[in-house]
Amino acid sequence: NAGNITAYWKGYTEYHRDGLSDRLPRMLGTQAAGAAPLVLGEPVSEPETIATAIRIGSPASWTSAVEAQQQSKGRFLAATDEEILAAYHLVARTEGVFVEPASAASIAGLLKSIEDGWVAKGSTVVCTVTGNGLKDPDTALKGMPAVTPLPVDPVAVVAKLGLV
C-alpha cells in the first residue's frame, strides 16, 4: 500500500527536525516485480507475487510514497519472486529471523542495490522487516519433507530414527 515508506520517512524527518538525528536516510522502496506500480509509474491491473502483503496494483499512499522517495533522493526497484525467496532464506539462515516474503523484499532490494552500486559495500543500512513469517506459513512449509506419523512410543521413534 506504500504506507510503510511514507510513515518511515515522516518519522525520520521528524527526528531530524527535532535534532535527534544529524542526517536523513535515502529511502529504498522495493516492490515485487509482478506488483510494481511505483517502479512502472502506472497501476498494475492484475498484480501477482508470492509476497501477498505487497500484492498491490495501485497503492493508496502512491503520492506520499513518491514524495518520500524524491525528498530522500531514494529510489524504487522491483525484485522478482526468486530474489525475494532467496532473501527470505538468507535472513533465516544467517540471522535466525523468520520473516514473511513481503518483508524479505526489502532485503532483496538491498542486495540488488549493493550489486548495482547504489549502496556501497560496507555501508550502514537498515532494512525494516515488520512481517513475521507466521503471517505466511505456507511459504515456509513449501519444500519441507513430509511428516511421518509415529505412535507415541519411544521404541517406535528410536526404531524410525535407526538408532537400534
C-alpha atoms as a PDB file:
ATOM      1  CA  ASN A   1       0.000   0.000   0.000  1.00  0.00           C
ATOM      2  CA  ALA A   2       3.124   2.185   0.147  1.00  0.00           C
ATOM      3  CA  GLY A   3       2.130   3.333   3.621  1.00  0.00           C
ATOM      4  CA  ASN A   4       5.288   1.992   5.239  1.00  0.00           C
ATOM      5  CA  ILE A   5       7.793   4.072   3.263  1.00  0.00           C
ATOM      6  CA  THR A   6       5.579   7.098   3.825  1.00  0.00           C
ATOM      7  CA  ALA A   7       5.334   6.575   7.583  1.00  0.00           C
ATOM      8  CA  TYR A   8       9.037   5.779   7.992  1.00  0.00           C
ATOM      9  CA  TRP A   9      10.029   8.889   6.048  1.00  0.00           C
ATOM     10  CA  LYS A  10       7.729  11.003   8.196  1.00  0.00           C
ATOM     11  CA  GLY A  11       9.341   9.604  11.339  1.00  0.00           C
ATOM     12  CA  TYR A  12      12.877  10.139  10.041  1.00  0.00           C
ATOM     13  CA  THR A  13      12.142  13.737   9.061  1.00  0.00           C
ATOM     14  CA  GLU A  14      10.551  14.461  12.443  1.00  0.00           C
ATOM     15  CA  TYR A  15      13.556  13.004  14.289  1.00  0.00           C
ATOM     16  CA  HIS A  16      15.858  15.107  12.128  1.00  0.00           C
ATOM     17  CA  ARG A  17      13.777  18.257  12.629  1.00  0.00           C
ATOM     18  CA  ASP A  18      13.861  17.731  16.406  1.00  0.00           C
ATOM     19  CA  GLY A  19      17.636  17.278  16.413  1.00  0.00           C
ATOM     20  CA  LEU A  20      17.551  13.577  17.257  1.00  0.00           C
ATOM     21  CA  SER A  21      19.486  12.646  14.126  1.00  0.00           C
ATOM     22  CA  ASP A  22      22.081  14.589  12.178  1.00  0.00           C
ATOM     23  CA  ARG A  23      21.139  13.336   8.713  1.00  0.00           C
ATOM     24  CA  LEU A  24      18.328  11.793   6.749  1.00  0.00           C
ATOM     25  CA  PRO A  25      18.451   8.401   5.052  1.00  0.00           C
ATOM     26  CA  ARG A  26      17.888   7.640   1.396  1.00  0.00           C
ATOM     27  CA  MET A  27      14.708   5.612   1.143  1.00  0.00           C
ATOM     28  CA  LEU A  28      14.638   2.454  -0.950  1.00  0.00           C
ATOM     29  CA  GLY A  29      11.200   1.097  -1.751  1.00  0.00           C
ATOM     30  CA  THR A  30      11.257  -2.459  -3.063  1.00  0.00           C
ATOM     31  CA  GLN A  31       8.218  -3.846  -4.804  1.00  0.00           C
ATOM     32  CA  ALA A  32       7.628  -7.340  -6.121  1.00  0.00           C
ATOM     33  CA  ALA A  33       8.240  -7.451  -9.877  1.00  0.00           C
ATOM     34  CA  GLY A  34       4.715  -8.742 -10.510  1.00  0.00           C
ATOM     35  CA  ALA A  35       3.184  -5.910  -8.492  1.00  0.00           C
ATOM     36  CA  ALA A  36       5.401  -2.877  -9.023  1.00  0.00           C
ATOM     37  CA  PRO A  37       3.236   0.129  -9.923  1.00  0.00           C
ATOM     38  CA  LEU A  38       5.630   2.672  -8.378  1.00  0.00           C
ATOM     39  CA  VAL A  39       8.524   1.224 -10.367  1.00  0.00           C
ATOM     40  CA  LEU A  40       6.482   1.160 -13.570  1.00  0.00           C
ATOM     41  CA  GLY A  41       4.835   4.524 -12.950  1.00  0.00           C
ATOM     42  CA  GLU A  42       1.374   3.133 -13.595  1.00  0.00           C
ATOM     43  CA  PRO A  43      -1.139   0.862 -11.872  1.00  0.00           C
ATOM     44  CA  VAL A  44      -0.844  -2.891 -12.322  1.00  0.00           C
ATOM     45  CA  SER A  45      -4.273  -4.299 -13.151  1.00  0.00           C
ATOM     46  CA  GLU A  46      -3.543  -7.885 -12.090  1.00  0.00           C
ATOM     47  CA  PRO A  47      -0.711  -7.864  -9.545  1.00  0.00           C
ATOM     48  CA  GLU A  48       0.880 -11.230  -8.861  1.00  0.00           C
ATOM     49  CA  THR A  49       3.619 -12.211  -6.435  1.00  0.00           C
ATOM     50  CA  ILE A  50       4.381 -14.720  -3.722  1.00  0.00           C
ATOM     51  CA  ALA A  51       4.676 -11.733  -1.350  1.00  0.00           C
ATOM     52  CA  THR A  52       0.964 -11.405  -0.659  1.00  0.00           C
ATOM     53  CA  ALA A  53       1.251  -8.378   1.654  1.00  0.00           C
ATOM     54  CA  ILE A  54       2.679  -6.290  -1.204  1.00  0.00           C
ATOM     55  CA  ARG A  55       0.458  -7.671  -3.962  1.00  0.00           C
ATOM     56  CA  ILE A  56      -0.997  -4.230  -4.609  1.00  0.00           C
ATOM     57  CA  GLY A  57      -1.595  -2.821  -8.059  1.00  0.00           C
ATOM     58  CA  SER A  58      -2.496   0.742  -7.102  1.00  0.00           C
ATOM     59  CA  PRO A  59      -1.212   1.816  -3.671  1.00  0.00           C
ATOM     60  CA  ALA A  60      -3.387   4.136  -1.592  1.00  0.00           C
ATOM     61  CA  SER A  61      -0.291   6.086  -0.490  1.00  0.00           C
ATOM     62  CA  TRP A  62       1.134   6.435  -4.012  1.00  0.00           C
ATOM     63  CA  THR A  63       1.656  10.211  -3.949  1.00  0.00           C
ATOM     64  CA  SER A  64       3.209  10.356  -0.479  1.00  0.00           C
ATOM     65  CA  ALA A  65       5.465   7.373  -1.251  1.00  0.00           C
ATOM     66  CA  VAL A  66       6.810   9.119  -4.355  1.00  0.00           C
ATOM     67  CA  GLU A  67       7.332  12.266  -2.303  1.00  0.00           C
ATOM     68  CA  ALA A  68       9.330  10.277   0.296  1.00  0.00           C
ATOM     69  CA  GLN A  69      11.430   8.707  -2.443  1.00  0.00           C
ATOM     70  CA  GLN A  70      12.114  12.048  -4.129  1.00  0.00           C
ATOM     71  CA  GLN A  71      12.748  14.058  -0.956  1.00  0.00           C
ATOM     72  CA  SER A  72      15.181  11.417   0.325  1.00  0.00           C
ATOM     73  CA  LYS A  73      16.939  11.071  -3.041  1.00  0.00           C
ATOM     74  CA  GLY A  74      15.951   7.436  -2.842  1.00  0.00           C
ATOM     75  CA  ARG A  75      14.524   5.052  -5.376  1.00  0.00           C
ATOM     76  CA  PHE A  76      12.053   2.298  -6.079  1.00  0.00           C
ATOM     77  CA  LEU A  77      13.045  -1.004  -7.590  1.00  0.00           C
ATOM     78  CA  ALA A  78      11.463  -4.355  -8.303  1.00  0.00           C
ATOM     79  CA  ALA A  79      12.609  -7.736  -7.023  1.00  0.00           C
ATOM     80  CA  THR A  80      11.493 -10.992  -8.591  1.00  0.00           C
ATOM     81  CA  ASP A  81       9.801 -13.654  -6.514  1.00  0.00           C
ATOM     82  CA  GLU A  82      13.006 -15.686  -6.823  1.00  0.00           C
ATOM     83  CA  GLU A  83      15.064 -12.791  -5.414  1.00  0.00           C
ATOM     84  CA  ILE A  84      12.546 -12.299  -2.609  1.00  0.00           C
ATOM     85  CA  LEU A  85      12.656 -16.007  -1.717  1.00  0.00           C
ATOM     86  CA  ALA A  86      16.473 -16.015  -1.791  1.00  0.00           C
ATOM     87  CA  ALA A  87      16.460 -13.077   0.668  1.00  0.00           C
ATOM     88  CA  TYR A  88      13.795 -14.853   2.763  1.00  0.00           C
ATOM     89  CA  HIS A  89      16.040 -17.892   3.126  1.00  0.00           C
ATOM     90  CA  LEU A  90      19.196 -15.798   3.601  1.00  0.00           C
ATOM     91  CA  VAL A  91      17.845 -13.834   6.570  1.00  0.00           C
ATOM     92  CA  ALA A  92      16.531 -17.013   8.195  1.00  0.00           C
ATOM     93  CA  ARG A  93      19.817 -18.864   7.681  1.00  0.00           C
ATOM     94  CA  THR A  94      22.223 -16.063   8.640  1.00  0.00           C
ATOM     95  CA  GLU A  95      20.258 -14.027  11.195  1.00  0.00           C
ATOM     96  CA  GLY A  96      17.721 -16.504  12.542  1.00  0.00           C
ATOM     97  CA  VAL A  97      14.891 -14.133  11.652  1.00  0.00           C
ATOM     98  CA  PHE A  98      11.642 -15.610  10.333  1.00  0.00           C
ATOM     99  CA  VAL A  99      10.011 -13.019   8.075  1.00  0.00           C
ATOM    100  CA  GLU A 100       7.183 -13.132   5.604  1.00  0.00           C
ATOM    101  CA  PRO A 101       8.098 -12.773   1.897  1.00  0.00           C
ATOM    102  CA  ALA A 102       6.938  -9.129   1.760  1.00  0.00           C
ATOM    103  CA  SER A 103       9.445  -8.229   4.468  1.00  0.00           C
ATOM    104  CA  ALA A 104      12.166 -10.155   2.655  1.00  0.00           C
ATOM    105  CA  ALA A 105      11.572  -7.828  -0.311  1.00  0.00           C
ATOM    106  CA  SER A 106      13.469  -5.057   1.496  1.00  0.00           C
ATOM    107  CA  ILE A 107      16.474  -7.350   1.863  1.00  0.00           C
ATOM    108  CA  ALA A 108      16.216  -8.396  -1.789  1.00  0.00           C
ATOM    109  CA  GLY A 109      16.176  -4.707  -2.714  1.00  0.00           C
ATOM    110  CA  LEU A 110      19.259  -4.061  -0.603  1.00  0.00           C
ATOM    111  CA  LEU A 111      21.137  -6.937  -2.243  1.00  0.00           C
ATOM    112  CA  LYS A 112      20.269  -5.601  -5.701  1.00  0.00           C
ATOM    113  CA  SER A 113      21.308  -2.098  -4.651  1.00  0.00           C
ATOM    114  CA  ILE A 114      24.685  -3.323  -3.438  1.00  0.00           C
ATOM    115  CA  GLU A 115      25.130  -5.301  -6.652  1.00  0.00           C
ATOM    116  CA  ASP A 116      24.422  -2.294  -8.883  1.00  0.00           C
ATOM    117  CA  GLY A 117      26.468   0.104  -6.725  1.00  0.00           C
ATOM    118  CA  TRP A 118      23.615   2.275  -5.426  1.00  0.00           C
ATOM    119  CA  VAL A 119      24.570   1.157  -1.906  1.00  0.00           C
ATOM    120  CA  ALA A 120      28.288   0.936  -1.235  1.00  0.00           C
ATOM    121  CA  LYS A 121      29.571  -2.302   0.274  1.00  0.00           C
ATOM    122  CA  GLY A 122      30.237  -1.795   3.967  1.00  0.00           C
ATOM    123  CA  SER A 123      27.587   0.918   4.361  1.00  0.00           C
ATOM    124  CA  THR A 124      25.392   1.063   7.431  1.00  0.00           C
ATOM    125  CA  VAL A 125      21.911   0.142   6.262  1.00  0.00           C
ATOM    126  CA  VAL A 126      18.605  -0.563   7.980  1.00  0.00           C
ATOM    127  CA  CYS A 127      16.082  -2.915   6.417  1.00  0.00           C
ATOM    128  CA  THR A 128      12.739  -2.737   8.135  1.00  0.00           C
ATOM    129  CA  VAL A 129      11.182  -6.193   8.262  1.00  0.00           C
ATOM    130  CA  THR A 130       7.866  -5.845  10.041  1.00  0.00           C
ATOM    131  CA  GLY A 131       6.060  -9.007   8.919  1.00  0.00           C
ATOM    132  CA  ASN A 132       6.617 -12.195  10.902  1.00  0.00           C
ATOM    133  CA  GLY A 133       6.917 -15.444   8.959  1.00  0.00           C
ATOM    134  CA  LEU A 134       3.835 -16.819  10.673  1.00  0.00           C
ATOM    135  CA  LYS A 135       1.819 -14.330   8.643  1.00  0.00           C
ATOM    136  CA  ASP A 136       2.505 -16.576   5.624  1.00  0.00           C
ATOM    137  CA  PRO A 137       3.361 -20.066   6.919  1.00  0.00           C
ATOM    138  CA  ASP A 138       2.676 -21.751   3.566  1.00  0.00           C
ATOM    139  CA  THR A 139       5.869 -20.279   2.120  1.00  0.00           C
ATOM    140  CA  ALA A 140       7.921 -21.778   4.941  1.00  0.00           C
ATOM    141  CA  LEU A 141       6.286 -25.171   4.516  1.00  0.00           C
ATOM    142  CA  LYS A 142       6.953 -25.423   0.772  1.00  0.00           C
ATOM    143  CA  GLY A 143       9.775 -27.832   0.107  1.00  0.00           C
ATOM    144  CA  MET A 144       9.724 -29.297   3.599  1.00  0.00           C
ATOM    145  CA  PRO A 145       9.803 -33.075   3.909  1.00  0.00           C
ATOM    146  CA  ALA A 146       6.551 -34.842   4.640  1.00  0.00           C
ATOM    147  CA  VAL A 147       5.814 -35.582   8.277  1.00  0.00           C
ATOM    148  CA  THR A 148       5.890 -39.271   9.159  1.00  0.00           C
ATOM    149  CA  PRO A 149       3.251 -40.109  11.753  1.00  0.00           C
ATOM    150  CA  LEU A 150       4.507 -42.366  14.537  1.00  0.00           C
ATOM    151  CA  PRO A 151       2.809 -43.838  17.554  1.00  0.00           C
ATOM    152  CA  VAL A 152       3.516 -42.207  20.899  1.00  0.00           C
ATOM    153  CA  ASP A 153       6.056 -44.866  21.738  1.00  0.00           C
ATOM    154  CA  PRO A 154       9.749 -44.182  22.376  1.00  0.00           C
ATOM    155  CA  VAL A 155      10.719 -47.584  20.968  1.00  0.00           C
ATOM    156  CA  ALA A 156       8.984 -46.775  17.645  1.00  0.00           C
ATOM    157  CA  VAL A 157      10.685 -43.365  17.478  1.00  0.00           C
ATOM    158  CA  VAL A 158      14.124 -44.847  18.163  1.00  0.00           C
ATOM    159  CA  ALA A 159      13.500 -47.529  15.541  1.00  0.00           C
ATOM    160  CA  LYS A 160      12.358 -44.979  12.933  1.00  0.00           C
ATOM    161  CA  LEU A 161      15.495 -42.897  13.563  1.00  0.00           C
ATOM    162  CA  GLY A 162      17.585 -46.017  13.002  1.00  0.00           C
ATOM    163  CA  LEU A 163      19.174 -45.847  16.419  1.00  0.00           C
ATOM    164  CA  VAL A 164      18.738 -49.556  17.187  1.00  0.00           C
END
